[in-house]
Amino acid sequence: MNLVDALLAQHACEHVVLHFVRRLDLGEPADVADLFTEDGVWEWPPPGDGRRIEGREALRAYFGSRPADRLSRRLMSNVLVTITGPDSAGATSYFTTYRVDGYEGGDPIPAGPPVQVGHYEDTFRRVDGKWLIASRTLHLPFGGDTPRVG
């Protein structure tokens, strides 16, 4: 792969990482599934809760089940994409999640500490010219309960 193609692939994968959190926070959470391959996997291995969601439709149901009154904002940083082949890549990206349940809109709520700080390890596959997440593994060294407002 030449340098320009590698840079374009890196940018495309970074774009997927950022669209993931934008769809969760500002869009329709179920649409996150469209960023995965048909056989895509999202998992939180031990010492997390061992959750593993596999397949685009299962991912759509999982992310679509997010509480309707949840307000969240995720900050992504340190996105490092490594091209591993003409149609494959990997990435590590850090995230910080601010989140509350019970939000009904209106005035801003007082900011609290983040409820999660961790990182994702992703693999990507190019399918029909489009870079998609083949697997996403959540690593969460800092986490707590989601507070309720109201």
C-alpha atoms as a PDB file:
ATOM      1  CA  MET A   1       0.000   0.000   0.000  1.00  0.00           C
ATOM      2  CA  ASN A   2       1.453   3.364  -0.948  1.00  0.00           C
ATOM      3  CA  LEU A   3       1.665   6.271   1.494  1.00  0.00           C
ATOM      4  CA  VAL A   4      -1.386   8.136   0.168  1.00  0.00           C
ATOM      5  CA  ASP A   5      -3.582   5.017   0.314  1.00  0.00           C
ATOM      6  CA  ALA A   6      -2.327   4.285   3.833  1.00  0.00           C
ATOM      7  CA  LEU A   7      -3.114   7.827   4.989  1.00  0.00           C
ATOM      8  CA  LEU A   8      -6.585   7.648   3.443  1.00  0.00           C
ATOM      9  CA  ALA A   9      -7.227   4.329   5.174  1.00  0.00           C
ATOM     10  CA  GLN A  10      -6.039   5.723   8.527  1.00  0.00           C
ATOM     11  CA  HIS A  11      -8.303   8.731   8.146  1.00  0.00           C
ATOM     12  CA  ALA A  12     -11.279   6.560   7.221  1.00  0.00           C
ATOM     13  CA  CYS A  13     -10.778   4.368  10.308  1.00  0.00           C
ATOM     14  CA  GLU A  14     -10.432   7.437  12.562  1.00  0.00           C
ATOM     15  CA  HIS A  15     -13.676   8.707  11.048  1.00  0.00           C
ATOM     16  CA  VAL A  16     -15.447   5.468  12.044  1.00  0.00           C
ATOM     17  CA  VAL A  17     -14.125   5.784  15.628  1.00  0.00           C
ATOM     18  CA  LEU A  18     -15.533   9.311  15.893  1.00  0.00           C
ATOM     19  CA  HIS A  19     -18.840   8.479  14.240  1.00  0.00           C
ATOM     20  CA  PHE A  20     -19.382   5.665  16.746  1.00  0.00           C
ATOM     21  CA  VAL A  21     -19.493   8.071  19.696  1.00  0.00           C
ATOM     22  CA  ARG A  22     -21.356  10.776  17.780  1.00  0.00           C
ATOM     23  CA  ARG A  23     -24.153   8.344  16.940  1.00  0.00           C
ATOM     24  CA  LEU A  24     -24.370   7.192  20.560  1.00  0.00           C
ATOM     25  CA  ASP A  25     -24.420  10.722  21.974  1.00  0.00           C
ATOM     26  CA  LEU A  26     -26.138  12.861  19.343  1.00  0.00           C
ATOM     27  CA  GLY A  27     -27.762  10.505  16.884  1.00  0.00           C
ATOM     28  CA  GLU A  28     -29.727   7.301  16.937  1.00  0.00           C
ATOM     29  CA  PRO A  29     -27.803   4.762  19.066  1.00  0.00           C
ATOM     30  CA  ALA A  30     -29.054   1.765  17.054  1.00  0.00           C
ATOM     31  CA  ASP A  31     -27.345   3.244  13.963  1.00  0.00           C
ATOM     32  CA  VAL A  32     -23.977   2.407  15.559  1.00  0.00           C
ATOM     33  CA  ALA A  33     -24.527  -1.082  14.128  1.00  0.00           C
ATOM     34  CA  ASP A  34     -24.090   0.285  10.591  1.00  0.00           C
ATOM     35  CA  LEU A  35     -20.441   1.020  11.424  1.00  0.00           C
ATOM     36  CA  PHE A  36     -19.736  -2.702  11.962  1.00  0.00           C
ATOM     37  CA  THR A  37     -19.240  -5.507   9.476  1.00  0.00           C
ATOM     38  CA  GLU A  38     -22.158  -7.967   9.181  1.00  0.00           C
ATOM     39  CA  ASP A  39     -20.308 -10.318  11.551  1.00  0.00           C
ATOM     40  CA  GLY A  40     -18.968  -7.503  13.742  1.00  0.00           C
ATOM     41  CA  VAL A  41     -18.323  -8.001  17.453  1.00  0.00           C
ATOM     42  CA  TRP A  42     -18.466  -5.655  20.456  1.00  0.00           C
ATOM     43  CA  GLU A  43     -17.146  -7.081  23.710  1.00  0.00           C
ATOM     44  CA  TRP A  44     -16.204  -6.217  27.272  1.00  0.00           C
ATOM     45  CA  PRO A  45     -14.062  -9.133  28.413  1.00  0.00           C
ATOM     46  CA  PRO A  46     -13.188  -9.905  32.048  1.00  0.00           C
ATOM     47  CA  PRO A  47     -12.413  -8.166  34.274  1.00  0.00           C
ATOM     48  CA  GLY A  48     -15.424  -6.450  32.675  1.00  0.00           C
ATOM     49  CA  ASP A  49     -18.800  -8.155  32.755  1.00  0.00           C
ATOM     50  CA  GLY A  50     -17.935 -10.597  29.941  1.00  0.00           C
ATOM     51  CA  ARG A  51     -20.511  -9.104  27.572  1.00  0.00           C
ATOM     52  CA  ARG A  52     -20.131 -10.060  23.899  1.00  0.00           C
ATOM     53  CA  ILE A  53     -22.515  -8.919  21.153  1.00  0.00           C
ATOM     54  CA  GLU A  54     -22.009 -10.489  17.737  1.00  0.00           C
ATOM     55  CA  GLY A  55     -23.601  -9.678  14.387  1.00  0.00           C
ATOM     56  CA  ARG A  56     -24.966  -6.417  13.029  1.00  0.00           C
ATOM     57  CA  GLU A  57     -28.601  -7.056  13.965  1.00  0.00           C
ATOM     58  CA  ALA A  58     -27.686  -8.079  17.528  1.00  0.00           C
ATOM     59  CA  LEU A  59     -25.571  -4.919  17.775  1.00  0.00           C
ATOM     60  CA  ARG A  60     -28.501  -2.847  16.506  1.00  0.00           C
ATOM     61  CA  ALA A  61     -30.766  -4.280  19.224  1.00  0.00           C
ATOM     62  CA  TYR A  62     -28.116  -3.867  21.923  1.00  0.00           C
ATOM     63  CA  PHE A  63     -27.239  -0.235  21.206  1.00  0.00           C
ATOM     64  CA  GLY A  64     -30.882   0.585  20.445  1.00  0.00           C
ATOM     65  CA  SER A  65     -31.889  -0.533  23.949  1.00  0.00           C
ATOM     66  CA  ARG A  66     -30.115   2.426  25.527  1.00  0.00           C
ATOM     67  CA  PRO A  67     -32.436   4.297  27.949  1.00  0.00           C
ATOM     68  CA  ALA A  68     -34.342   7.086  26.181  1.00  0.00           C
ATOM     69  CA  ASP A  69     -33.669   9.482  29.083  1.00  0.00           C
ATOM     70  CA  ARG A  70     -29.882   9.000  28.991  1.00  0.00           C
ATOM     71  CA  LEU A  71     -27.740  12.050  28.280  1.00  0.00           C
ATOM     72  CA  SER A  72     -24.129  11.302  27.418  1.00  0.00           C
ATOM     73  CA  ARG A  73     -21.074  12.844  25.888  1.00  0.00           C
ATOM     74  CA  ARG A  74     -17.966  10.857  25.059  1.00  0.00           C
ATOM     75  CA  LEU A  75     -14.588  12.414  24.458  1.00  0.00           C
ATOM     76  CA  MET A  76     -12.284  10.458  22.165  1.00  0.00           C
ATOM     77  CA  SER A  77      -8.525  10.953  22.073  1.00  0.00           C
ATOM     78  CA  ASN A  78      -5.232   9.250  21.322  1.00  0.00           C
ATOM     79  CA  VAL A  79      -6.669   7.530  18.251  1.00  0.00           C
ATOM     80  CA  LEU A  80      -3.827   5.486  16.806  1.00  0.00           C
ATOM     81  CA  VAL A  81      -4.624   3.551  13.635  1.00  0.00           C
ATOM     82  CA  THR A  82      -2.232   0.953  12.256  1.00  0.00           C
ATOM     83  CA  ILE A  83      -2.765  -0.373   8.749  1.00  0.00           C
ATOM     84  CA  THR A  84      -2.166  -4.130   8.784  1.00  0.00           C
ATOM     85  CA  GLY A  85      -3.003  -4.964   5.157  1.00  0.00           C
ATOM     86  CA  PRO A  86      -4.730  -3.573   2.064  1.00  0.00           C
ATOM     87  CA  ASP A  87      -8.154  -4.264   3.614  1.00  0.00           C
ATOM     88  CA  SER A  88      -7.366  -4.500   7.335  1.00  0.00           C
ATOM     89  CA  ALA A  89      -6.357  -2.190  10.157  1.00  0.00           C
ATOM     90  CA  GLY A  90      -6.269  -1.943  13.910  1.00  0.00           C
ATOM     91  CA  ALA A  91      -6.656   0.967  16.307  1.00  0.00           C
ATOM     92  CA  THR A  92      -6.443   1.924  19.936  1.00  0.00           C
ATOM     93  CA  SER A  93      -8.423   4.952  21.117  1.00  0.00           C
ATOM     94  CA  TYR A  94      -9.030   6.428  24.561  1.00  0.00           C
ATOM     95  CA  PHE A  95     -12.466   7.549  25.734  1.00  0.00           C
ATOM     96  CA  THR A  96     -13.960   9.482  28.614  1.00  0.00           C
ATOM     97  CA  THR A  97     -17.715   9.206  29.187  1.00  0.00           C
ATOM     98  CA  TYR A  98     -19.921  11.727  30.955  1.00  0.00           C
ATOM     99  CA  ARG A  99     -23.426  10.316  31.422  1.00  0.00           C
ATOM    100  CA  VAL A 100     -26.644  10.695  33.415  1.00  0.00           C
ATOM    101  CA  ASP A 101     -30.021   8.991  33.304  1.00  0.00           C
ATOM    102  CA  GLY A 102     -33.333  10.740  33.942  1.00  0.00           C
ATOM    103  CA  TYR A 103     -32.589  13.703  31.684  1.00  0.00           C
ATOM    104  CA  GLU A 104     -35.721  15.347  30.298  1.00  0.00           C
ATOM    105  CA  GLY A 105     -34.127  18.169  28.341  1.00  0.00           C
ATOM    106  CA  GLY A 106     -34.134  21.849  29.071  1.00  0.00           C
ATOM    107  CA  ASP A 107     -31.528  23.559  31.196  1.00  0.00           C
ATOM    108  CA  PRO A 108     -27.980  22.274  31.459  1.00  0.00           C
ATOM    109  CA  ILE A 109     -27.284  20.011  34.400  1.00  0.00           C
ATOM    110  CA  PRO A 110     -24.295  20.446  36.724  1.00  0.00           C
ATOM    111  CA  ALA A 111     -21.256  18.652  35.386  1.00  0.00           C
ATOM    112  CA  GLY A 112     -20.003  15.756  37.439  1.00  0.00           C
ATOM    113  CA  PRO A 113     -16.973  13.535  37.098  1.00  0.00           C
ATOM    114  CA  PRO A 114     -16.798  11.096  34.188  1.00  0.00           C
ATOM    115  CA  VAL A 115     -18.442   7.722  34.771  1.00  0.00           C
ATOM    116  CA  GLN A 116     -15.949   5.907  32.550  1.00  0.00           C
ATOM    117  CA  VAL A 117     -12.380   6.332  31.366  1.00  0.00           C
ATOM    118  CA  GLY A 118     -10.944   3.586  29.221  1.00  0.00           C
ATOM    119  CA  HIS A 119      -9.882   2.579  25.763  1.00  0.00           C
ATOM    120  CA  TYR A 120     -11.112   0.613  22.779  1.00  0.00           C
ATOM    121  CA  GLU A 121      -9.080  -1.840  20.767  1.00  0.00           C
ATOM    122  CA  ASP A 122     -10.550  -2.126  17.289  1.00  0.00           C
ATOM    123  CA  THR A 123      -9.980  -4.156  14.176  1.00  0.00           C
ATOM    124  CA  PHE A 124     -11.269  -2.820  10.864  1.00  0.00           C
ATOM    125  CA  ARG A 125     -12.023  -4.455   7.549  1.00  0.00           C
ATOM    126  CA  ARG A 126     -12.624  -2.746   4.248  1.00  0.00           C
ATOM    127  CA  VAL A 127     -15.826  -4.127   2.739  1.00  0.00           C
ATOM    128  CA  ASP A 128     -16.885  -2.948  -0.723  1.00  0.00           C
ATOM    129  CA  GLY A 129     -14.510   0.013  -0.393  1.00  0.00           C
ATOM    130  CA  LYS A 130     -15.849   1.095   3.023  1.00  0.00           C
ATOM    131  CA  TRP A 131     -13.905   0.745   6.307  1.00  0.00           C
ATOM    132  CA  LEU A 132     -15.995  -0.879   9.052  1.00  0.00           C
ATOM    133  CA  ILE A 133     -15.381  -2.148  12.577  1.00  0.00           C
ATOM    134  CA  ALA A 134     -14.859  -5.916  12.574  1.00  0.00           C
ATOM    135  CA  SER A 135     -14.340  -6.033  16.335  1.00  0.00           C
ATOM    136  CA  ARG A 136     -14.331  -3.572  19.213  1.00  0.00           C
ATOM    137  CA  THR A 137     -13.049  -4.535  22.645  1.00  0.00           C
ATOM    138  CA  LEU A 138     -13.741  -2.270  25.610  1.00  0.00           C
ATOM    139  CA  HIS A 139     -11.142  -1.896  28.363  1.00  0.00           C
ATOM    140  CA  LEU A 140     -12.387   0.010  31.399  1.00  0.00           C
ATOM    141  CA  PRO A 141      -9.873   0.647  34.178  1.00  0.00           C
ATOM    142  CA  PHE A 142     -11.979   3.513  35.602  1.00  0.00           C
ATOM    143  CA  GLY A 143     -15.745   3.112  35.883  1.00  0.00           C
ATOM    144  CA  GLY A 144     -18.712   3.835  38.087  1.00  0.00           C
ATOM    145  CA  ASP A 145     -22.480   3.882  38.216  1.00  0.00           C
ATOM    146  CA  THR A 146     -24.494   6.198  35.984  1.00  0.00           C
ATOM    147  CA  PRO A 147     -26.084   8.872  38.191  1.00  0.00           C
ATOM    148  CA  ARG A 148     -29.743   9.907  37.871  1.00  0.00           C
ATOM    149  CA  VAL A 149     -30.920  13.496  37.680  1.00  0.00           C
ATOM    150  CA  GLY A 150     -34.297  14.882  38.610  1.00  0.00           C
END
